[in-house]
């Protein structure tokens, strides 16, 4: 378990990787669309698509190694286990959020998300 402050530090440390992840994900989406339409892309071919997939999976593993629970990847959703007023919670960050400003009880999931 981590405190909210510790989760925020972890998020800040992951921020460069998150930015890279978003770029890789977009490249992969465009490459797949190009390959499905015409079989060629300025981003490469099947080998490049497989390499981008491997990089995405590597980044997701790095997020987990940094203590985050990866709950989604499009949009990216990261949780850190913590405790609030004696209740197990997950400090919740969704792609596009400037900071961790949400939490939810560990047993409620995203639907139980509350603003801090």
PDB file of N, CA and C in Angstrom:
ATOM      1  N   UNK A   1       0.835  -1.180   0.000  1.00  0.00           N
ATOM      2  CA  UNK A   1       0.000   0.000   0.000  1.00  0.00           C
ATOM      3  C   UNK A   1       0.878   1.242   0.000  1.00  0.00           C
ATOM      4  N   UNK A   2       0.365   2.271  -0.657  1.00  0.00           N
ATOM      5  CA  UNK A   2       1.086   3.542  -0.708  1.00  0.00           C
ATOM      6  C   UNK A   2       0.147   4.671  -0.290  1.00  0.00           C
ATOM      7  N   UNK A   3       0.749   5.745   0.188  1.00  0.00           N
ATOM      8  CA  UNK A   3      -0.034   6.933   0.503  1.00  0.00           C
ATOM      9  C   UNK A   3      -0.373   7.649  -0.806  1.00  0.00           C
ATOM     10  N   UNK A   4      -1.293   8.589  -0.715  1.00  0.00           N
ATOM     11  CA  UNK A   4      -1.629   9.396  -1.885  1.00  0.00           C
ATOM     12  C   UNK A   4      -0.397  10.145  -2.385  1.00  0.00           C
ATOM     13  N   UNK A   5       0.387  10.708  -1.462  1.00  0.00           N
ATOM     14  CA  UNK A   5       1.599  11.429  -1.868  1.00  0.00           C
ATOM     15  C   UNK A   5       2.574  10.500  -2.585  1.00  0.00           C
ATOM     16  N   UNK A   6       2.731   9.279  -2.085  1.00  0.00           N
ATOM     17  CA  UNK A   6       3.629   8.319  -2.730  1.00  0.00           C
ATOM     18  C   UNK A   6       3.121   7.935  -4.114  1.00  0.00           C
ATOM     19  N   UNK A   7       1.813   7.784  -4.263  1.00  0.00           N
ATOM     20  CA  UNK A   7       1.238   7.475  -5.575  1.00  0.00           C
ATOM     21  C   UNK A   7       1.485   8.625  -6.542  1.00  0.00           C
ATOM     22  N   UNK A   8       1.368   9.844  -6.058  1.00  0.00           N
ATOM     23  CA  UNK A   8       1.623  11.010  -6.920  1.00  0.00           C
ATOM     24  C   UNK A   8       3.088  11.071  -7.356  1.00  0.00           C
ATOM     25  N   UNK A   9       3.999  10.736  -6.465  1.00  0.00           N
ATOM     26  CA  UNK A   9       5.420  10.687  -6.828  1.00  0.00           C
ATOM     27  C   UNK A   9       5.651   9.601  -7.878  1.00  0.00           C
ATOM     28  N   UNK A  10       5.040   8.445  -7.667  1.00  0.00           N
ATOM     29  CA  UNK A  10       5.181   7.349  -8.638  1.00  0.00           C
ATOM     30  C   UNK A  10       4.652   7.762 -10.007  1.00  0.00           C
ATOM     31  N   UNK A  11       3.511   8.442 -10.036  1.00  0.00           N
ATOM     32  CA  UNK A  11       2.951   8.925 -11.296  1.00  0.00           C
ATOM     33  C   UNK A  11       3.909   9.897 -11.968  1.00  0.00           C
ATOM     34  N   UNK A  12       4.455  10.828 -11.203  1.00  0.00           N
ATOM     35  CA  UNK A  12       5.395  11.808 -11.766  1.00  0.00           C
ATOM     36  C   UNK A  12       6.614  11.109 -12.363  1.00  0.00           C
ATOM     37  N   UNK A  13       7.089  10.070 -11.704  1.00  0.00           N
ATOM     38  CA  UNK A  13       8.243   9.325 -12.215  1.00  0.00           C
ATOM     39  C   UNK A  13       7.904   8.572 -13.492  1.00  0.00           C
ATOM     40  N   UNK A  14       6.662   8.134 -13.621  1.00  0.00           N
ATOM     41  CA  UNK A  14       6.228   7.390 -14.814  1.00  0.00           C
ATOM     42  C   UNK A  14       5.838   8.303 -15.971  1.00  0.00           C
ATOM     43  N   UNK A  15       5.655   9.583 -15.718  1.00  0.00           N
ATOM     44  CA  UNK A  15       5.117  10.502 -16.725  1.00  0.00           C
ATOM     45  C   UNK A  15       5.847  10.436 -18.075  1.00  0.00           C
ATOM     46  N   UNK A  16       7.199  10.436 -18.121  1.00  0.00           N
ATOM     47  CA  UNK A  16       7.862  10.327 -19.427  1.00  0.00           C
ATOM     48  C   UNK A  16       7.522   9.009 -20.145  1.00  0.00           C
ATOM     49  N   UNK A  17       7.414   7.938 -19.397  1.00  0.00           N
ATOM     50  CA  UNK A  17       7.052   6.650 -19.997  1.00  0.00           C
ATOM     51  C   UNK A  17       5.614   6.687 -20.492  1.00  0.00           C
ATOM     52  N   UNK A  18       4.743   7.350 -19.745  1.00  0.00           N
ATOM     53  CA  UNK A  18       3.338   7.462 -20.156  1.00  0.00           C
ATOM     54  C   UNK A  18       3.247   8.215 -21.476  1.00  0.00           C
ATOM     55  N   UNK A  19       3.972   9.312 -21.588  1.00  0.00           N
ATOM     56  CA  UNK A  19       3.963  10.081 -22.835  1.00  0.00           C
ATOM     57  C   UNK A  19       4.455   9.226 -23.996  1.00  0.00           C
ATOM     58  N   UNK A  20       5.506   8.465 -23.769  1.00  0.00           N
ATOM     59  CA  UNK A  20       6.017   7.565 -24.802  1.00  0.00           C
ATOM     60  C   UNK A  20       5.015   6.484 -25.163  1.00  0.00           C
ATOM     61  N   UNK A  21       4.342   5.949 -24.146  1.00  0.00           N
ATOM     62  CA  UNK A  21       3.328   4.918 -24.367  1.00  0.00           C
ATOM     63  C   UNK A  21       2.219   5.438 -25.274  1.00  0.00           C
ATOM     64  N   UNK A  22       1.746   6.645 -25.003  1.00  0.00           N
ATOM     65  CA  UNK A  22       0.664   7.230 -25.793  1.00  0.00           C
ATOM     66  C   UNK A  22       1.097   7.396 -27.253  1.00  0.00           C
ATOM     67  N   UNK A  23       2.337   7.825 -27.470  1.00  0.00           N
ATOM     68  CA  UNK A  23       2.842   7.989 -28.836  1.00  0.00           C
ATOM     69  C   UNK A  23       2.957   6.642 -29.547  1.00  0.00           C
ATOM     70  N   UNK A  24       3.472   5.639 -28.858  1.00  0.00           N
ATOM     71  CA  UNK A  24       3.603   4.302 -29.453  1.00  0.00           C
ATOM     72  C   UNK A  24       2.234   3.751 -29.793  1.00  0.00           C
ATOM     73  N   UNK A  25       1.288   3.917 -28.886  1.00  0.00           N
ATOM     74  CA  UNK A  25      -0.075   3.415 -29.105  1.00  0.00           C
ATOM     75  C   UNK A  25      -0.691   4.061 -30.341  1.00  0.00           C
ATOM     76  N   UNK A  26      -0.492   5.378 -30.505  1.00  0.00           N
ATOM     77  CA  UNK A  26      -1.033   6.076 -31.679  1.00  0.00           C
ATOM     78  C   UNK A  26      -0.362   5.591 -32.959  1.00  0.00           C
ATOM     79  N   UNK A  27       0.963   5.437 -32.923  1.00  0.00           N
ATOM     80  CA  UNK A  27       1.677   4.918 -34.104  1.00  0.00           C
ATOM     81  C   UNK A  27       1.163   3.542 -34.489  1.00  0.00           C
ATOM     82  N   UNK A  28       0.963   2.697 -33.501  1.00  0.00           N
ATOM     83  CA  UNK A  28       0.484   1.344 -33.782  1.00  0.00           C
ATOM     84  C   UNK A  28      -0.917   1.377 -34.378  1.00  0.00           C
ATOM     85  N   UNK A  29      -1.785   2.224 -33.849  1.00  0.00           N
ATOM     86  CA  UNK A  29      -3.144   2.323 -34.386  1.00  0.00           C
ATOM     87  C   UNK A  29      -3.116   2.770 -35.840  1.00  0.00           C
ATOM     88  N   UNK A  30      -2.304   3.793 -36.149  1.00  0.00           N
ATOM     89  CA  UNK A  30      -2.201   4.273 -37.530  1.00  0.00           C
ATOM     90  C   UNK A  30      -1.597   3.218 -38.440  1.00  0.00           C
ATOM     91  N   UNK A  31      -0.566   2.553 -37.980  1.00  0.00           N
ATOM     92  CA  UNK A  31       0.077   1.520 -38.784  1.00  0.00           C
ATOM     93  C   UNK A  31      -0.893   0.385 -39.091  1.00  0.00           C
ATOM     94  N   UNK A  32      -1.615  -0.061 -38.088  1.00  0.00           N
ATOM     95  CA  UNK A  32      -2.596  -1.131 -38.312  1.00  0.00           C
ATOM     96  C   UNK A  32      -3.675  -0.699 -39.304  1.00  0.00           C
ATOM     97  N   UNK A  33      -4.152   0.544 -39.168  1.00  0.00           N
ATOM     98  CA  UNK A  33      -5.187   1.043 -40.087  1.00  0.00           C
ATOM     99  C   UNK A  33      -4.648   1.095 -41.511  1.00  0.00           C
ATOM    100  N   UNK A  34      -3.430   1.606 -41.672  1.00  0.00           N
ATOM    101  CA  UNK A  34      -2.821   1.679 -43.010  1.00  0.00           C
ATOM    102  C   UNK A  34      -2.651   0.297 -43.619  1.00  0.00           C
ATOM    103  N   UNK A  35      -2.170  -0.633 -42.820  1.00  0.00           N
ATOM    104  CA  UNK A  35      -1.943  -1.987 -43.335  1.00  0.00           C
ATOM    105  C   UNK A  35      -3.257  -2.657 -43.697  1.00  0.00           C
ATOM    106  N   UNK A  36      -4.307  -2.396 -42.920  1.00  0.00           N
ATOM    107  CA  UNK A  36      -5.609  -2.994 -43.216  1.00  0.00           C
ATOM    108  C   UNK A  36      -6.212  -2.414 -44.493  1.00  0.00           C
ATOM    109  N   UNK A  37      -5.953  -1.134 -44.750  1.00  0.00           N
ATOM    110  CA  UNK A  37      -6.516  -0.473 -45.932  1.00  0.00           C
ATOM    111  C   UNK A  37      -5.778  -0.804 -47.213  1.00  0.00           C
ATOM    112  N   UNK A  38      -4.461  -0.650 -47.185  1.00  0.00           N
ATOM    113  CA  UNK A  38      -3.742  -0.790 -48.442  1.00  0.00           C
ATOM    114  C   UNK A  38      -2.515  -1.658 -48.390  1.00  0.00           C
ATOM    115  N   UNK A  39      -2.199  -2.153 -47.227  1.00  0.00           N
ATOM    116  CA  UNK A  39      -1.053  -3.033 -47.134  1.00  0.00           C
ATOM    117  C   UNK A  39       0.282  -2.334 -46.980  1.00  0.00           C
ATOM    118  N   UNK A  40       0.298  -0.988 -46.999  1.00  0.00           N
ATOM    119  CA  UNK A  40       1.564  -0.291 -46.806  1.00  0.00           C
ATOM    120  C   UNK A  40       1.339   0.956 -45.948  1.00  0.00           C
ATOM    121  N   UNK A  41       2.437   1.382 -45.317  1.00  0.00           N
ATOM    122  CA  UNK A  41       2.359   2.550 -44.442  1.00  0.00           C
ATOM    123  C   UNK A  41       3.724   3.210 -44.374  1.00  0.00           C
ATOM    124  N   UNK A  42       3.720   4.515 -44.200  1.00  0.00           N
ATOM    125  CA  UNK A  42       4.971   5.232 -43.982  1.00  0.00           C
ATOM    126  C   UNK A  42       5.604   4.826 -42.655  1.00  0.00           C
ATOM    127  N   UNK A  43       4.794   4.237 -41.766  1.00  0.00           N
ATOM    128  CA  UNK A  43       5.293   3.795 -40.468  1.00  0.00           C
ATOM    129  C   UNK A  43       5.926   2.407 -40.516  1.00  0.00           C
ATOM    130  N   UNK A  44       5.799   1.724 -41.653  1.00  0.00           N
ATOM    131  CA  UNK A  44       6.415   0.410 -41.783  1.00  0.00           C
ATOM    132  C   UNK A  44       5.429  -0.652 -42.201  1.00  0.00           C
ATOM    133  N   UNK A  45       5.771  -1.864 -41.847  1.00  0.00           N
ATOM    134  CA  UNK A  45       4.950  -3.011 -42.209  1.00  0.00           C
ATOM    135  C   UNK A  45       4.658  -3.878 -41.000  1.00  0.00           C
ATOM    136  N   UNK A  46       4.426  -5.138 -41.259  1.00  0.00           N
ATOM    137  CA  UNK A  46       4.059  -6.079 -40.200  1.00  0.00           C
ATOM    138  C   UNK A  46       5.149  -6.185 -39.135  1.00  0.00           C
ATOM    139  N   UNK A  47       6.400  -6.201 -39.553  1.00  0.00           N
ATOM    140  CA  UNK A  47       7.493  -6.301 -38.580  1.00  0.00           C
ATOM    141  C   UNK A  47       7.496  -5.108 -37.631  1.00  0.00           C
ATOM    142  N   UNK A  48       7.266  -3.928 -38.172  1.00  0.00           N
ATOM    143  CA  UNK A  48       7.223  -2.724 -37.328  1.00  0.00           C
ATOM    144  C   UNK A  48       6.012  -2.749 -36.398  1.00  0.00           C
ATOM    145  N   UNK A  49       4.895  -3.285 -36.889  1.00  0.00           N
ATOM    146  CA  UNK A  49       3.709  -3.410 -36.036  1.00  0.00           C
ATOM    147  C   UNK A  49       4.001  -4.343 -34.861  1.00  0.00           C
ATOM    148  N   UNK A  50       4.647  -5.451 -35.135  1.00  0.00           N
ATOM    149  CA  UNK A  50       4.992  -6.395 -34.063  1.00  0.00           C
ATOM    150  C   UNK A  50       5.968  -5.755 -33.074  1.00  0.00           C
ATOM    151  N   UNK A  51       6.911  -4.960 -33.581  1.00  0.00           N
ATOM    152  CA  UNK A  51       7.858  -4.277 -32.698  1.00  0.00           C
ATOM    153  C   UNK A  51       7.143  -3.261 -31.814  1.00  0.00           C
ATOM    154  N   UNK A  52       6.191  -2.516 -32.372  1.00  0.00           N
ATOM    155  CA  UNK A  52       5.432  -1.556 -31.577  1.00  0.00           C
ATOM    156  C   UNK A  52       4.594  -2.262 -30.517  1.00  0.00           C
ATOM    157  N   UNK A  53       3.998  -3.393 -30.875  1.00  0.00           N
ATOM    158  CA  UNK A  53       3.230  -4.167 -29.892  1.00  0.00           C
ATOM    159  C   UNK A  53       4.127  -4.594 -28.737  1.00  0.00           C
ATOM    160  N   UNK A  54       5.327  -5.060 -29.057  1.00  0.00           N
ATOM    161  CA  UNK A  54       6.261  -5.481 -28.009  1.00  0.00           C
ATOM    162  C   UNK A  54       6.646  -4.306 -27.118  1.00  0.00           C
ATOM    163  N   UNK A  55       6.851  -3.145 -27.722  1.00  0.00           N
ATOM    164  CA  UNK A  55       7.189  -1.956 -26.933  1.00  0.00           C
ATOM    165  C   UNK A  55       6.028  -1.559 -26.015  1.00  0.00           C
ATOM    166  N   UNK A  56       4.802  -1.646 -26.523  1.00  0.00           N
ATOM    167  CA  UNK A  56       3.625  -1.338 -25.685  1.00  0.00           C
ATOM    168  C   UNK A  56       3.566  -2.259 -24.479  1.00  0.00           C
ATOM    169  N   UNK A  57       3.736  -3.542 -24.727  1.00  0.00           N
ATOM    170  CA  UNK A  57       3.689  -4.506 -23.622  1.00  0.00           C
ATOM    171  C   UNK A  57       4.817  -4.247 -22.626  1.00  0.00           C
ATOM    172  N   UNK A  58       5.988  -3.880 -23.129  1.00  0.00           N
ATOM    173  CA  UNK A  58       7.102  -3.552 -22.249  1.00  0.00           C
ATOM    174  C   UNK A  58       6.799  -2.354 -21.365  1.00  0.00           C
ATOM    175  N   UNK A  59       6.158  -1.349 -21.931  1.00  0.00           N
ATOM    176  CA  UNK A  59       5.790  -0.171 -21.144  1.00  0.00           C
ATOM    177  C   UNK A  59       4.752  -0.520 -20.088  1.00  0.00           C
ATOM    178  N   UNK A  60       3.781  -1.339 -20.441  1.00  0.00           N
ATOM    179  CA  UNK A  60       2.772  -1.756 -19.459  1.00  0.00           C
ATOM    180  C   UNK A  60       3.431  -2.504 -18.301  1.00  0.00           C
ATOM    181  N   UNK A  61       4.413  -3.349 -18.615  1.00  0.00           N
ATOM    182  CA  UNK A  61       5.143  -4.057 -17.562  1.00  0.00           C
ATOM    183  C   UNK A  61       5.931  -3.077 -16.696  1.00  0.00           C
ATOM    184  N   UNK A  62       6.491  -2.036 -17.308  1.00  0.00           N
ATOM    185  CA  UNK A  62       7.230  -1.026 -16.542  1.00  0.00           C
ATOM    186  C   UNK A  62       6.297  -0.271 -15.601  1.00  0.00           C
ATOM    187  N   UNK A  63       5.079   0.023 -16.041  1.00  0.00           N
ATOM    188  CA  UNK A  63       4.109   0.686 -15.163  1.00  0.00           C
ATOM    189  C   UNK A  63       3.831  -0.190 -13.946  1.00  0.00           C
ATOM    190  N   UNK A  64       3.627  -1.475 -14.188  1.00  0.00           N
ATOM    191  CA  UNK A  64       3.362  -2.406 -13.088  1.00  0.00           C
ATOM    192  C   UNK A  64       4.571  -2.519 -12.167  1.00  0.00           C
ATOM    193  N   UNK A  65       5.762  -2.535 -12.734  1.00  0.00           N
ATOM    194  CA  UNK A  65       6.976  -2.604 -11.916  1.00  0.00           C
ATOM    195  C   UNK A  65       7.123  -1.351 -11.059  1.00  0.00           C
ATOM    196  N   UNK A  66       6.543  -0.243 -11.498  1.00  0.00           N
ATOM    197  CA  UNK A  66       6.555   0.999 -10.731  1.00  0.00           C
ATOM    198  C   UNK A  66       5.471   1.055  -9.666  1.00  0.00           C
ATOM    199  N   UNK A  67       4.757  -0.043  -9.464  1.00  0.00           N
ATOM    200  CA  UNK A  67       3.757  -0.126  -8.410  1.00  0.00           C
ATOM    201  C   UNK A  67       2.330   0.132  -8.845  1.00  0.00           C
ATOM    202  N   UNK A  68       2.133   0.497 -10.106  1.00  0.00           N
ATOM    203  CA  UNK A  68       0.782   0.783 -10.596  1.00  0.00           C
ATOM    204  C   UNK A  68       0.084  -0.495 -11.020  1.00  0.00           C
ATOM    205  N   UNK A  69      -1.203  -0.528 -10.807  1.00  0.00           N
ATOM    206  CA  UNK A  69      -2.038  -1.589 -11.375  1.00  0.00           C
ATOM    207  C   UNK A  69      -2.597  -1.027 -12.674  1.00  0.00           C
ATOM    208  N   UNK A  70      -2.308  -1.703 -13.781  1.00  0.00           N
ATOM    209  CA  UNK A  70      -2.796  -1.247 -15.080  1.00  0.00           C
ATOM    210  C   UNK A  70      -4.206  -1.801 -15.259  1.00  0.00           C
ATOM    211  N   UNK A  71      -5.181  -0.895 -15.338  1.00  0.00           N
ATOM    212  CA  UNK A  71      -6.579  -1.311 -15.466  1.00  0.00           C
ATOM    213  C   UNK A  71      -7.116  -1.118 -16.868  1.00  0.00           C
ATOM    214  N   UNK A  72      -6.401  -0.367 -17.690  1.00  0.00           N
ATOM    215  CA  UNK A  72      -6.810  -0.146 -19.068  1.00  0.00           C
ATOM    216  C   UNK A  72      -5.685   0.515 -19.826  1.00  0.00           C
ATOM    217  N   UNK A  73      -5.681   0.360 -21.151  1.00  0.00           N
ATOM    218  CA  UNK A  73      -4.593   0.962 -21.913  1.00  0.00           C
ATOM    219  C   UNK A  73      -5.063   1.907 -23.008  1.00  0.00           C
ATOM    220  N   UNK A  74      -6.364   2.006 -23.243  1.00  0.00           N
ATOM    221  CA  UNK A  74      -6.887   2.953 -24.238  1.00  0.00           C
ATOM    222  C   UNK A  74      -8.279   3.388 -23.800  1.00  0.00           C
ATOM    223  N   UNK A  75      -8.394   4.366 -22.943  1.00  0.00           N
ATOM    224  CA  UNK A  75      -7.346   5.204 -22.383  1.00  0.00           C
ATOM    225  C   UNK A  75      -6.575   4.479 -21.275  1.00  0.00           C
ATOM    226  N   UNK A  76      -5.386   4.969 -21.009  1.00  0.00           N
ATOM    227  CA  UNK A  76      -4.547   4.396 -19.963  1.00  0.00           C
ATOM    228  C   UNK A  76      -5.169   4.700 -18.604  1.00  0.00           C
ATOM    229  N   UNK A  77      -5.316   3.665 -17.802  1.00  0.00           N
ATOM    230  CA  UNK A  77      -5.904   3.788 -16.465  1.00  0.00           C
ATOM    231  C   UNK A  77      -4.989   3.075 -15.490  1.00  0.00           C
ATOM    232  N   UNK A  78      -4.458   3.826 -14.533  1.00  0.00           N
ATOM    233  CA  UNK A  78      -3.541   3.285 -13.534  1.00  0.00           C
ATOM    234  C   UNK A  78      -4.102   3.509 -12.139  1.00  0.00           C
ATOM    235  N   UNK A  79      -3.965   2.491 -11.295  1.00  0.00           N
ATOM    236  CA  UNK A  79      -4.370   2.570  -9.896  1.00  0.00           C
ATOM    237  C   UNK A  79      -3.194   2.186  -9.010  1.00  0.00           C
ATOM    238  N   UNK A  80      -3.146   2.777  -7.819  1.00  0.00           N
ATOM    239  CA  UNK A  80      -2.172   2.399  -6.808  1.00  0.00           C
ATOM    240  C   UNK A  80      -2.950   2.033  -5.551  1.00  0.00           C
ATOM    241  N   UNK A  81      -2.662   0.881  -4.950  1.00  0.00           N
ATOM    242  CA  UNK A  81      -3.380   0.484  -3.737  1.00  0.00           C
ATOM    243  C   UNK A  81      -2.982   1.341  -2.547  1.00  0.00           C
ATOM    244  N   UNK A  82      -3.985   1.760  -1.799  1.00  0.00           N
ATOM    245  CA  UNK A  82      -3.749   2.584  -0.625  1.00  0.00           C
ATOM    246  C   UNK A  82      -4.837   2.384   0.406  1.00  0.00           C
ATOM    247  N   UNK A  83      -4.916   3.329   1.306  1.00  0.00           N
ATOM    248  CA  UNK A  83      -5.917   3.264   2.363  1.00  0.00           C
ATOM    249  C   UNK A  83      -6.380   4.676   2.666  1.00  0.00           C
ATOM    250  N   UNK A  84      -7.675   4.818   2.854  1.00  0.00           N
ATOM    251  CA  UNK A  84      -8.257   6.120   3.205  1.00  0.00           C
ATOM    252  C   UNK A  84      -9.220   5.895   4.361  1.00  0.00           C
ATOM    253  N   UNK A  85      -8.956   6.536   5.474  1.00  0.00           N
ATOM    254  CA  UNK A  85      -9.788   6.398   6.670  1.00  0.00           C
ATOM    255  C   UNK A  85      -9.982   4.932   7.054  1.00  0.00           C
ATOM    256  N   UNK A  86      -8.901   4.142   6.927  1.00  0.00           N
ATOM    257  CA  UNK A  86      -8.941   2.735   7.317  1.00  0.00           C
ATOM    258  C   UNK A  86      -9.575   1.802   6.304  1.00  0.00           C
ATOM    259  N   UNK A  87      -9.975   2.324   5.162  1.00  0.00           N
ATOM    260  CA  UNK A  87     -10.636   1.522   4.128  1.00  0.00           C
ATOM    261  C   UNK A  87      -9.675   1.331   2.950  1.00  0.00           C
ATOM    262  N   UNK A  88      -9.502   0.088   2.468  1.00  0.00           N
ATOM    263  CA  UNK A  88      -8.651  -0.128   1.295  1.00  0.00           C
ATOM    264  C   UNK A  88      -9.238   0.579   0.072  1.00  0.00           C
ATOM    265  N   UNK A  89      -8.399   1.388  -0.571  1.00  0.00           N
ATOM    266  CA  UNK A  89      -8.814   2.127  -1.762  1.00  0.00           C
ATOM    267  C   UNK A  89      -7.755   1.978  -2.843  1.00  0.00           C
ATOM    268  N   UNK A  90      -8.106   2.451  -4.016  1.00  0.00           N
ATOM    269  CA  UNK A  90      -7.157   2.563  -5.114  1.00  0.00           C
ATOM    270  C   UNK A  90      -7.103   4.027  -5.519  1.00  0.00           C
ATOM    271  N   UNK A  91      -5.903   4.599  -5.487  1.00  0.00           N
ATOM    272  CA  UNK A  91      -5.687   5.956  -5.976  1.00  0.00           C
ATOM    273  C   UNK A  91      -5.725   5.847  -7.489  1.00  0.00           C
ATOM    274  N   UNK A  92      -6.603   6.578  -8.122  1.00  0.00           N
ATOM    275  CA  UNK A  92      -6.981   6.325  -9.510  1.00  0.00           C
ATOM    276  C   UNK A  92      -6.556   7.468 -10.427  1.00  0.00           C
ATOM    277  N   UNK A  93      -5.806   7.127 -11.483  1.00  0.00           N
ATOM    278  CA  UNK A  93      -5.394   8.109 -12.487  1.00  0.00           C
ATOM    279  C   UNK A  93      -5.843   7.625 -13.856  1.00  0.00           C
ATOM    280  N   UNK A  94      -6.528   8.486 -14.581  1.00  0.00           N
ATOM    281  CA  UNK A  94      -7.006   8.196 -15.929  1.00  0.00           C
ATOM    282  C   UNK A  94      -6.293   9.120 -16.900  1.00  0.00           C
ATOM    283  N   UNK A  95      -5.860   8.570 -18.023  1.00  0.00           N
ATOM    284  CA  UNK A  95      -5.188   9.368 -19.044  1.00  0.00           C
ATOM    285  C   UNK A  95      -5.962  10.665 -19.285  1.00  0.00           C
ATOM    286  N   UNK A  96      -5.241  11.753 -19.278  1.00  0.00           N
ATOM    287  CA  UNK A  96      -5.857  13.067 -19.437  1.00  0.00           C
ATOM    288  C   UNK A  96      -5.962  13.820 -18.120  1.00  0.00           C
ATOM    289  N   UNK A  97      -5.964  13.087 -17.002  1.00  0.00           N
ATOM    290  CA  UNK A  97      -5.973  13.741 -15.693  1.00  0.00           C
ATOM    291  C   UNK A  97      -4.612  14.383 -15.454  1.00  0.00           C
ATOM    292  N   UNK A  98      -4.592  15.581 -14.895  1.00  0.00           N
ATOM    293  CA  UNK A  98      -3.328  16.259 -14.607  1.00  0.00           C
ATOM    294  C   UNK A  98      -2.602  15.617 -13.433  1.00  0.00           C
ATOM    295  N   UNK A  99      -3.360  15.015 -12.528  1.00  0.00           N
ATOM    296  CA  UNK A  99      -2.790  14.472 -11.294  1.00  0.00           C
ATOM    297  C   UNK A  99      -3.729  13.373 -10.804  1.00  0.00           C
ATOM    298  N   UNK A 100      -3.341  12.710  -9.752  1.00  0.00           N
ATOM    299  CA  UNK A 100      -4.249  11.764  -9.113  1.00  0.00           C
ATOM    300  C   UNK A 100      -5.222  12.586  -8.277  1.00  0.00           C
ATOM    301  N   UNK A 101      -6.443  12.647  -8.718  1.00  0.00           N
ATOM    302  CA  UNK A 101      -7.459  13.443  -8.043  1.00  0.00           C
ATOM    303  C   UNK A 101      -8.692  12.605  -7.715  1.00  0.00           C
ATOM    304  N   UNK A 102      -8.583  11.298  -7.902  1.00  0.00           N
ATOM    305  CA  UNK A 102      -9.705  10.390  -7.709  1.00  0.00           C
ATOM    306  C   UNK A 102      -9.255   9.158  -6.937  1.00  0.00           C
ATOM    307  N   UNK A 103     -10.204   8.519  -6.316  1.00  0.00           N
ATOM    308  CA  UNK A 103      -9.971   7.233  -5.654  1.00  0.00           C
ATOM    309  C   UNK A 103     -11.264   6.430  -5.734  1.00  0.00           C
ATOM    310  N   UNK A 104     -11.152   5.159  -5.472  1.00  0.00           N
ATOM    311  CA  UNK A 104     -12.350   4.348  -5.293  1.00  0.00           C
ATOM    312  C   UNK A 104     -12.020   3.210  -4.349  1.00  0.00           C
ATOM    313  N   UNK A 105     -13.033   2.746  -3.651  1.00  0.00           N
ATOM    314  CA  UNK A 105     -12.819   1.593  -2.774  1.00  0.00           C
ATOM    315  C   UNK A 105     -12.307   0.440  -3.612  1.00  0.00           C
ATOM    316  N   UNK A 106     -11.457  -0.365  -3.028  1.00  0.00           N
ATOM    317  CA  UNK A 106     -10.862  -1.478  -3.755  1.00  0.00           C
ATOM    318  C   UNK A 106     -11.913  -2.473  -4.236  1.00  0.00           C
ATOM    319  N   UNK A 107     -13.028  -2.561  -3.520  1.00  0.00           N
ATOM    320  CA  UNK A 107     -14.059  -3.532  -3.887  1.00  0.00           C
ATOM    321  C   UNK A 107     -15.135  -2.958  -4.811  1.00  0.00           C
ATOM    322  N   UNK A 108     -15.014  -1.699  -5.189  1.00  0.00           N
ATOM    323  CA  UNK A 108     -16.050  -1.072  -6.017  1.00  0.00           C
ATOM    324  C   UNK A 108     -15.632  -0.840  -7.465  1.00  0.00           C
ATOM    325  N   UNK A 109     -14.363  -0.757  -7.746  1.00  0.00           N
ATOM    326  CA  UNK A 109     -13.912  -0.508  -9.108  1.00  0.00           C
ATOM    327  C   UNK A 109     -14.195   0.901  -9.579  1.00  0.00           C
ATOM    328  N   UNK A 110     -13.992   1.113 -10.877  1.00  0.00           N
ATOM    329  CA  UNK A 110     -14.083   2.438 -11.479  1.00  0.00           C
ATOM    330  C   UNK A 110     -15.446   3.088 -11.253  1.00  0.00           C
ATOM    331  N   UNK A 111     -16.501   2.299 -11.203  1.00  0.00           N
ATOM    332  CA  UNK A 111     -17.842   2.864 -11.004  1.00  0.00           C
ATOM    333  C   UNK A 111     -17.992   3.550  -9.659  1.00  0.00           C
ATOM    334  N   UNK A 112     -17.147   3.180  -8.701  1.00  0.00           N
ATOM    335  CA  UNK A 112     -17.188   3.799  -7.383  1.00  0.00           C
ATOM    336  C   UNK A 112     -16.223   4.963  -7.242  1.00  0.00           C
ATOM    337  N   UNK A 113     -15.708   5.444  -8.342  1.00  0.00           N
ATOM    338  CA  UNK A 113     -14.695   6.503  -8.347  1.00  0.00           C
ATOM    339  C   UNK A 113     -15.255   7.794  -7.728  1.00  0.00           C
ATOM    340  N   UNK A 114     -14.458   8.370  -6.823  1.00  0.00           N
ATOM    341  CA  UNK A 114     -14.844   9.607  -6.151  1.00  0.00           C
ATOM    342  C   UNK A 114     -13.693  10.611  -6.227  1.00  0.00           C
ATOM    343  N   UNK A 115     -14.085  11.883  -6.293  1.00  0.00           N
ATOM    344  CA  UNK A 115     -13.075  12.945  -6.292  1.00  0.00           C
ATOM    345  C   UNK A 115     -12.507  13.075  -4.890  1.00  0.00           C
ATOM    346  N   UNK A 116     -11.214  13.309  -4.803  1.00  0.00           N
ATOM    347  CA  UNK A 116     -10.567  13.468  -3.489  1.00  0.00           C
ATOM    348  C   UNK A 116     -11.048  14.722  -2.766  1.00  0.00           C
TER     349      UNK A 116
END
